[in-house]
Amino acid sequence: MNNLKTTARITGLLYLALGVTGMLGFMTIRPMLYDATDAAATLANLSQEPWLAQIGVALELGVVLTQALVAFSFYRLFRTVDNFAAGAIAGFGMMNAAAILVSSMFLAVAQQLAVDPGIGLGEATAGTAQLMYELSSAAWSSGGLFFGLWLIPMGYVVLVSGWMPRLLGYILVFGGIGYVLSAFAPLLPAAYSGTAEMALALLATVGELWMIGYLLTFGVRSSAGETEDSLSLTAA
């Protein structure tokens, strides 16, 4: 039982690290560097604040690292509940990590363009740097598909195990479905895509925050040890 709670809390810490690196990198530093309407401004930001651009790349890699680690930590936590579902959490999590890894490559190229003028010239360099950020954003949008998919089996094992509140399980499942749909929001007219994306991802955000808080605070319910033993006997 103590080992299970320890695994749960380690998973919660890794999940928290994933959220922090993603929030700092994608939601804080990226808007400070990337101007979606002005390629010259993006290049100027990268040139004038190279250290900030480097931190942005480092945080992007931090997202990849923590996503991969928490994916396998979730597998370790839930494998005795449902091995297939736990494997799906790990698999979809790794696919999202791969998408963000591609994004980090684009950011690294954009940062290098800004500090090494020999790579490109004038407007061509500004346009290329802008393109790198747009491709990075596209990688995040595509990765969101797998991030939504990983929440669905996560919610399922919460419901099956009884280790956490059932409401959390339902929120994760339906939030994951909403997150998957939000990956298609950019295909909508520009006037609606941003609002639709935020609305569809809202329930998933609630579920993630609750999951992180529950793992860190409680780990799993005290009856989880008995449930784990009964599952192990059934498997045997």
Foldseek 3Di string as FASTA:
>chain_A
DVVLLVLLQVLLVLLVQLVVLCCCQVVNLCVQQADLVDLVSNLVSLQVCVVSLVSNLVSLLSNLVSLQVSLVSQCVNQCLQPNVLSVLLNVLSNLLSVLSVQLSVLSVVLSCLSHDVVVDDDPVSSVSSNVSNVSSVLSNLVSLLSVLRSLQSVLVSCCRQVFDDNVLSVLSNQLSVLSNVLSCLVVDPPVCSVVSNCVSNVSNVVSSVVSSVCSNPPVTDPCNVVSSVVSVVVVD
